[in-house]
């Protein structure tokens, strides 16, 4: 199963990553991408998810974000990462900020957020 959602800010993104970290899911990977206007999160589950659990996941994700239909370049970013290409190479080629890819890592999101805020000197809405 795969879930691709758009989220408005870092707090919501952290909630989603923590949700998948603390619940009993066989997460293959979570990809977190930051863009100027928000966050993209792609969650891939290794094994079959029962229908009720799938509905619960979708309900939770719909509370915090919206289903995301990526433009071609984001589809290429996600495909490259899934194929095993390094996040650094993907970021350089597509000029996109891949904050995290792999096992759920809430601390990577927080480190990115704090570094970005420190560099700007203020906190933009999507990093709140």
N, C-alpha and C. Protein backbone atom coordinates (compact mmCIF):
# COMPACT_ATOMS: atom_id res chain seq x y z
N UNK A 1 0.84 -1.17 0.00
CA UNK A 1 0.00 0.00 0.00
C UNK A 1 0.89 1.24 0.00
N UNK A 2 0.40 2.26 -0.64
CA UNK A 2 1.13 3.51 -0.72
C UNK A 2 0.18 4.66 -0.48
N UNK A 3 0.62 5.63 0.30
CA UNK A 3 -0.17 6.80 0.63
C UNK A 3 0.65 8.04 0.30
N UNK A 4 0.11 8.91 -0.54
CA UNK A 4 0.79 10.12 -0.96
C UNK A 4 -0.10 11.31 -0.62
N UNK A 5 0.38 12.16 0.29
CA UNK A 5 -0.43 13.27 0.79
C UNK A 5 0.37 14.57 0.80
N UNK A 6 -0.38 15.67 0.73
CA UNK A 6 0.17 17.01 0.85
C UNK A 6 -0.25 17.55 2.21
N UNK A 7 0.70 18.12 2.95
CA UNK A 7 0.44 18.67 4.28
C UNK A 7 0.86 20.14 4.32
N UNK A 8 0.18 20.92 5.12
CA UNK A 8 0.41 22.36 5.13
C UNK A 8 1.65 22.80 5.90
N UNK A 9 2.02 22.06 6.95
CA UNK A 9 3.15 22.55 7.75
C UNK A 9 3.93 21.41 8.41
N UNK A 10 5.03 21.79 9.06
CA UNK A 10 5.93 20.82 9.67
C UNK A 10 5.29 20.07 10.83
N UNK A 11 4.45 20.75 11.62
CA UNK A 11 3.81 20.09 12.76
C UNK A 11 2.93 18.92 12.31
N UNK A 12 2.18 19.14 11.24
CA UNK A 12 1.34 18.06 10.71
C UNK A 12 2.19 16.94 10.15
N UNK A 13 3.27 17.30 9.50
CA UNK A 13 4.18 16.30 8.93
C UNK A 13 4.78 15.44 10.04
N UNK A 14 5.19 16.08 11.13
CA UNK A 14 5.71 15.34 12.27
C UNK A 14 4.66 14.40 12.86
N UNK A 15 3.42 14.85 12.93
CA UNK A 15 2.34 13.99 13.44
C UNK A 15 2.19 12.73 12.59
N UNK A 16 2.27 12.89 11.27
CA UNK A 16 2.13 11.74 10.38
C UNK A 16 3.29 10.77 10.55
N UNK A 17 4.50 11.28 10.58
CA UNK A 17 5.68 10.42 10.73
C UNK A 17 5.63 9.70 12.08
N UNK A 18 5.25 10.40 13.13
CA UNK A 18 5.15 9.77 14.44
C UNK A 18 4.03 8.73 14.48
N UNK A 19 2.93 8.99 13.78
CA UNK A 19 1.83 8.03 13.70
C UNK A 19 2.31 6.71 13.11
N UNK A 20 3.08 6.78 12.03
CA UNK A 20 3.58 5.56 11.42
C UNK A 20 4.73 4.94 12.21
N UNK A 21 5.44 5.75 12.98
CA UNK A 21 6.54 5.24 13.80
C UNK A 21 6.04 4.46 15.00
N UNK A 22 4.97 4.94 15.62
CA UNK A 22 4.53 4.32 16.87
C UNK A 22 3.48 3.25 16.69
N UNK A 23 2.84 3.18 15.56
CA UNK A 23 1.85 2.14 15.31
C UNK A 23 2.51 0.94 14.64
N UNK A 24 1.84 -0.17 14.69
CA UNK A 24 2.40 -1.42 14.19
C UNK A 24 2.17 -1.55 12.68
N UNK A 25 2.97 -0.83 11.91
CA UNK A 25 2.90 -0.89 10.45
C UNK A 25 4.23 -1.43 9.94
N UNK A 26 4.18 -2.18 8.87
CA UNK A 26 5.41 -2.63 8.22
C UNK A 26 5.79 -1.59 7.18
N UNK A 27 6.34 -0.48 7.64
CA UNK A 27 6.70 0.61 6.75
C UNK A 27 7.95 0.25 5.97
N UNK A 28 7.85 0.28 4.65
CA UNK A 28 9.02 0.07 3.81
C UNK A 28 9.85 1.35 3.77
N UNK A 29 9.18 2.47 3.56
CA UNK A 29 9.85 3.77 3.63
C UNK A 29 8.82 4.88 3.75
N UNK A 30 9.30 5.99 4.26
CA UNK A 30 8.55 7.24 4.26
C UNK A 30 9.45 8.28 3.62
N UNK A 31 8.90 8.99 2.66
CA UNK A 31 9.63 10.08 2.02
C UNK A 31 8.95 11.39 2.41
N UNK A 32 9.76 12.34 2.85
CA UNK A 32 9.26 13.66 3.22
C UNK A 32 9.99 14.69 2.38
N UNK A 33 9.20 15.48 1.65
CA UNK A 33 9.75 16.52 0.78
C UNK A 33 9.17 17.86 1.22
N UNK A 34 10.03 18.85 1.38
CA UNK A 34 9.58 20.19 1.71
C UNK A 34 9.58 21.04 0.46
N UNK A 35 8.49 21.76 0.27
CA UNK A 35 8.40 22.74 -0.79
C UNK A 35 8.01 24.06 -0.18
N UNK A 36 8.16 25.12 -0.91
CA UNK A 36 7.88 26.47 -0.40
C UNK A 36 6.49 26.57 0.20
N UNK A 37 5.52 25.94 -0.40
CA UNK A 37 4.12 26.07 0.00
C UNK A 37 3.62 24.95 0.91
N UNK A 38 4.43 23.94 1.20
CA UNK A 38 3.97 22.86 2.07
C UNK A 38 4.87 21.64 2.01
N UNK A 39 4.34 20.52 2.43
CA UNK A 39 5.10 19.28 2.56
C UNK A 39 4.40 18.16 1.80
N UNK A 40 5.21 17.30 1.21
CA UNK A 40 4.70 16.10 0.53
C UNK A 40 5.21 14.92 1.34
N UNK A 41 4.30 14.00 1.65
CA UNK A 41 4.72 12.80 2.37
C UNK A 41 4.23 11.58 1.60
N UNK A 42 5.14 10.65 1.39
CA UNK A 42 4.85 9.43 0.66
C UNK A 42 5.19 8.26 1.59
N UNK A 43 4.19 7.45 1.90
CA UNK A 43 4.38 6.32 2.81
C UNK A 43 4.11 5.04 2.04
N UNK A 44 5.06 4.14 2.07
CA UNK A 44 4.87 2.84 1.44
C UNK A 44 4.95 1.76 2.51
N UNK A 45 3.90 0.95 2.56
CA UNK A 45 3.81 -0.16 3.52
C UNK A 45 4.23 -1.44 2.81
N UNK A 46 5.06 -2.26 3.48
CA UNK A 46 5.59 -3.48 2.88
C UNK A 46 4.53 -4.53 2.59
N UNK A 47 3.66 -4.74 3.54
CA UNK A 47 2.73 -5.86 3.42
C UNK A 47 1.30 -5.37 3.21
N UNK A 48 0.44 -6.33 2.96
CA UNK A 48 -0.97 -6.05 2.78
C UNK A 48 -1.55 -5.40 4.03
N UNK A 49 -2.37 -4.40 3.82
CA UNK A 49 -3.05 -3.73 4.93
C UNK A 49 -4.52 -4.13 4.88
N UNK A 50 -5.05 -4.69 5.96
CA UNK A 50 -6.48 -5.04 5.97
C UNK A 50 -7.34 -3.81 5.67
N UNK A 51 -8.51 -4.06 5.11
CA UNK A 51 -9.39 -2.98 4.65
C UNK A 51 -9.70 -1.97 5.76
N UNK A 52 -10.01 -2.44 6.96
CA UNK A 52 -10.35 -1.52 8.05
C UNK A 52 -9.15 -0.67 8.45
N UNK A 53 -7.98 -1.28 8.50
CA UNK A 53 -6.77 -0.54 8.86
C UNK A 53 -6.45 0.50 7.78
N UNK A 54 -6.64 0.13 6.51
CA UNK A 54 -6.45 1.05 5.39
C UNK A 54 -7.40 2.25 5.53
N UNK A 55 -8.65 1.99 5.87
CA UNK A 55 -9.62 3.07 6.07
C UNK A 55 -9.20 3.98 7.22
N UNK A 56 -8.70 3.38 8.29
CA UNK A 56 -8.25 4.16 9.45
C UNK A 56 -7.07 5.06 9.07
N UNK A 57 -6.13 4.51 8.32
CA UNK A 57 -4.97 5.29 7.88
C UNK A 57 -5.43 6.45 7.00
N UNK A 58 -6.28 6.15 6.04
CA UNK A 58 -6.78 7.21 5.14
C UNK A 58 -7.57 8.26 5.89
N UNK A 59 -8.34 7.86 6.88
CA UNK A 59 -9.10 8.82 7.68
C UNK A 59 -8.16 9.75 8.44
N UNK A 60 -7.13 9.17 9.06
CA UNK A 60 -6.15 9.98 9.78
C UNK A 60 -5.45 10.95 8.82
N UNK A 61 -4.97 10.43 7.69
CA UNK A 61 -4.26 11.29 6.73
C UNK A 61 -5.16 12.38 6.15
N UNK A 62 -6.43 12.07 5.97
CA UNK A 62 -7.37 13.07 5.44
C UNK A 62 -7.66 14.16 6.47
N UNK A 63 -7.50 13.86 7.75
CA UNK A 63 -7.67 14.87 8.80
C UNK A 63 -6.56 15.90 8.78
N UNK A 64 -5.36 15.47 8.43
CA UNK A 64 -4.20 16.36 8.51
C UNK A 64 -3.72 16.87 7.15
N UNK A 65 -4.19 16.28 6.06
CA UNK A 65 -3.72 16.69 4.75
C UNK A 65 -4.71 16.33 3.66
N UNK A 66 -4.24 16.43 2.43
CA UNK A 66 -5.08 16.07 1.28
C UNK A 66 -4.30 15.11 0.38
N UNK A 67 -5.05 14.26 -0.31
CA UNK A 67 -4.42 13.35 -1.26
C UNK A 67 -3.67 14.19 -2.29
N UNK A 68 -2.47 13.76 -2.62
CA UNK A 68 -1.61 14.54 -3.51
C UNK A 68 -1.46 13.83 -4.84
N UNK A 69 -1.72 14.57 -5.90
CA UNK A 69 -1.46 14.10 -7.27
C UNK A 69 -0.24 14.85 -7.76
N UNK A 70 0.90 14.20 -7.79
CA UNK A 70 2.15 14.92 -8.06
C UNK A 70 2.31 15.30 -9.53
N UNK A 71 2.96 16.45 -9.75
CA UNK A 71 3.37 16.77 -11.12
C UNK A 71 4.46 15.80 -11.54
N UNK A 72 4.78 15.81 -12.80
CA UNK A 72 5.74 14.83 -13.34
C UNK A 72 7.08 14.87 -12.63
N UNK A 73 7.59 16.06 -12.33
CA UNK A 73 8.92 16.10 -11.72
C UNK A 73 8.92 15.51 -10.32
N UNK A 74 7.83 15.66 -9.55
CA UNK A 74 7.76 15.04 -8.22
C UNK A 74 7.61 13.53 -8.36
N UNK A 75 6.86 13.07 -9.37
CA UNK A 75 6.77 11.64 -9.64
C UNK A 75 8.15 11.07 -9.93
N UNK A 76 8.95 11.81 -10.69
CA UNK A 76 10.32 11.38 -11.00
C UNK A 76 11.19 11.35 -9.75
N UNK A 77 11.02 12.35 -8.88
CA UNK A 77 11.76 12.37 -7.62
C UNK A 77 11.42 11.13 -6.80
N UNK A 78 10.15 10.87 -6.64
CA UNK A 78 9.71 9.71 -5.84
C UNK A 78 10.17 8.40 -6.45
N UNK A 79 10.09 8.28 -7.77
CA UNK A 79 10.53 7.06 -8.45
C UNK A 79 12.03 6.85 -8.28
N UNK A 80 12.80 7.92 -8.40
CA UNK A 80 14.26 7.82 -8.24
C UNK A 80 14.63 7.37 -6.84
N UNK A 81 13.97 7.94 -5.85
CA UNK A 81 14.25 7.54 -4.46
C UNK A 81 13.85 6.09 -4.22
N UNK A 82 12.70 5.69 -4.73
CA UNK A 82 12.24 4.31 -4.55
C UNK A 82 13.16 3.32 -5.25
N UNK A 83 13.78 3.75 -6.35
CA UNK A 83 14.70 2.89 -7.09
C UNK A 83 16.06 2.76 -6.40
N UNK A 84 16.25 3.53 -5.32
CA UNK A 84 17.49 3.40 -4.56
C UNK A 84 18.51 4.49 -4.80
N UNK A 85 18.17 5.48 -5.59
CA UNK A 85 19.11 6.57 -5.83
C UNK A 85 19.26 7.40 -4.55
N UNK A 86 20.43 7.92 -4.32
CA UNK A 86 20.66 8.67 -3.08
C UNK A 86 19.86 9.97 -3.08
N UNK A 87 19.44 10.35 -1.88
CA UNK A 87 18.66 11.59 -1.74
C UNK A 87 19.45 12.80 -2.21
N UNK A 88 20.76 12.79 -1.99
CA UNK A 88 21.60 13.93 -2.41
C UNK A 88 21.58 14.07 -3.93
N UNK A 89 21.75 12.97 -4.64
CA UNK A 89 21.71 13.03 -6.11
C UNK A 89 20.35 13.50 -6.61
N UNK A 90 19.29 13.01 -6.00
CA UNK A 90 17.94 13.39 -6.39
C UNK A 90 17.72 14.88 -6.14
N UNK A 91 18.16 15.37 -5.00
CA UNK A 91 18.01 16.79 -4.68
C UNK A 91 18.77 17.66 -5.68
N UNK A 92 19.96 17.26 -6.02
CA UNK A 92 20.76 18.04 -6.97
C UNK A 92 20.13 18.04 -8.36
N UNK A 93 19.66 16.91 -8.81
CA UNK A 93 19.10 16.82 -10.15
C UNK A 93 17.77 17.58 -10.28
N UNK A 94 16.89 17.42 -9.28
CA UNK A 94 15.55 17.99 -9.40
C UNK A 94 15.35 19.29 -8.62
N UNK A 95 16.36 19.73 -7.90
CA UNK A 95 16.28 20.98 -7.12
C UNK A 95 15.08 20.97 -6.18
N UNK A 96 15.02 19.93 -5.37
CA UNK A 96 13.94 19.75 -4.41
C UNK A 96 14.55 19.34 -3.08
N UNK A 97 13.91 19.72 -1.97
CA UNK A 97 14.43 19.40 -0.64
C UNK A 97 13.83 18.10 -0.12
N UNK A 98 14.61 17.02 -0.22
CA UNK A 98 14.22 15.74 0.34
C UNK A 98 14.69 15.75 1.79
N UNK A 99 13.75 15.90 2.70
CA UNK A 99 14.08 16.03 4.12
C UNK A 99 14.39 14.67 4.72
N UNK A 100 13.67 13.65 4.28
CA UNK A 100 13.86 12.32 4.83
C UNK A 100 13.38 11.29 3.82
N UNK A 101 14.09 10.17 3.77
CA UNK A 101 13.66 9.04 2.95
C UNK A 101 14.19 7.77 3.60
N UNK A 102 13.29 6.83 3.84
CA UNK A 102 13.67 5.56 4.47
C UNK A 102 12.80 5.30 5.68
N UNK A 103 13.43 4.83 6.75
CA UNK A 103 12.70 4.58 8.00
C UNK A 103 12.15 5.90 8.53
N UNK A 104 11.02 5.86 9.21
CA UNK A 104 10.46 7.10 9.77
C UNK A 104 11.45 7.78 10.71
N UNK A 105 11.74 9.05 10.46
CA UNK A 105 12.72 9.79 11.24
C UNK A 105 12.18 11.17 11.62
N UNK A 106 11.39 11.26 12.69
CA UNK A 106 10.86 12.56 13.09
C UNK A 106 11.96 13.59 13.39
N UNK A 107 13.09 13.12 13.92
CA UNK A 107 14.16 14.06 14.26
C UNK A 107 14.75 14.75 13.02
N UNK A 108 14.76 14.10 11.87
CA UNK A 108 15.27 14.73 10.65
C UNK A 108 14.40 15.92 10.24
N UNK A 109 13.11 15.79 10.43
CA UNK A 109 12.19 16.87 10.10
C UNK A 109 12.44 18.05 11.04
N UNK A 110 12.59 17.77 12.31
CA UNK A 110 12.81 18.83 13.29
C UNK A 110 14.15 19.52 13.06
N UNK A 111 15.19 18.76 12.74
CA UNK A 111 16.50 19.35 12.45
C UNK A 111 16.42 20.25 11.23
N UNK A 112 15.75 19.78 10.15
CA UNK A 112 15.58 20.58 8.95
C UNK A 112 14.83 21.87 9.28
N UNK A 113 13.76 21.73 10.02
CA UNK A 113 12.93 22.88 10.38
C UNK A 113 13.73 23.92 11.16
N UNK A 114 14.45 23.49 12.19
CA UNK A 114 15.22 24.42 13.01
C UNK A 114 16.34 25.09 12.21
N UNK A 115 17.02 24.33 11.35
CA UNK A 115 18.09 24.88 10.53
C UNK A 115 17.56 25.94 9.57
N UNK A 116 16.43 25.65 8.97
CA UNK A 116 15.82 26.57 8.01
C UNK A 116 15.39 27.86 8.70
N UNK A 117 14.75 27.73 9.86
CA UNK A 117 14.30 28.89 10.62
C UNK A 117 15.49 29.74 11.07
N UNK A 118 16.53 29.08 11.54
CA UNK A 118 17.73 29.80 11.99
C UNK A 118 18.34 30.57 10.82
N UNK A 119 18.39 29.96 9.64
CA UNK A 119 18.95 30.63 8.47
C UNK A 119 18.13 31.82 8.03
N UNK A 120 16.80 31.71 8.13
CA UNK A 120 15.93 32.81 7.72
C UNK A 120 15.82 33.91 8.78
N UNK A 121 15.87 33.50 10.02
CA UNK A 121 15.69 34.46 11.10
C UNK A 121 14.23 34.61 11.50
N UNK A 122 13.34 33.86 10.88
CA UNK A 122 11.92 33.85 11.26
C UNK A 122 11.33 32.50 10.84
N UNK A 123 10.10 32.25 11.25
CA UNK A 123 9.46 30.97 10.96
C UNK A 123 8.33 31.16 9.96
N UNK A 124 8.54 30.74 8.70
CA UNK A 124 7.45 30.80 7.74
C UNK A 124 6.31 29.86 8.14
N UNK A 125 5.12 30.11 7.64
CA UNK A 125 3.94 29.35 8.02
C UNK A 125 4.10 27.85 7.78
N UNK A 126 4.73 27.45 6.67
CA UNK A 126 4.83 26.01 6.38
C UNK A 126 5.82 25.29 7.29
N UNK A 127 6.59 26.02 8.06
CA UNK A 127 7.52 25.38 9.00
C UNK A 127 7.00 25.39 10.43
N UNK A 128 5.82 25.95 10.64
CA UNK A 128 5.23 26.01 11.99
C UNK A 128 4.84 24.63 12.46
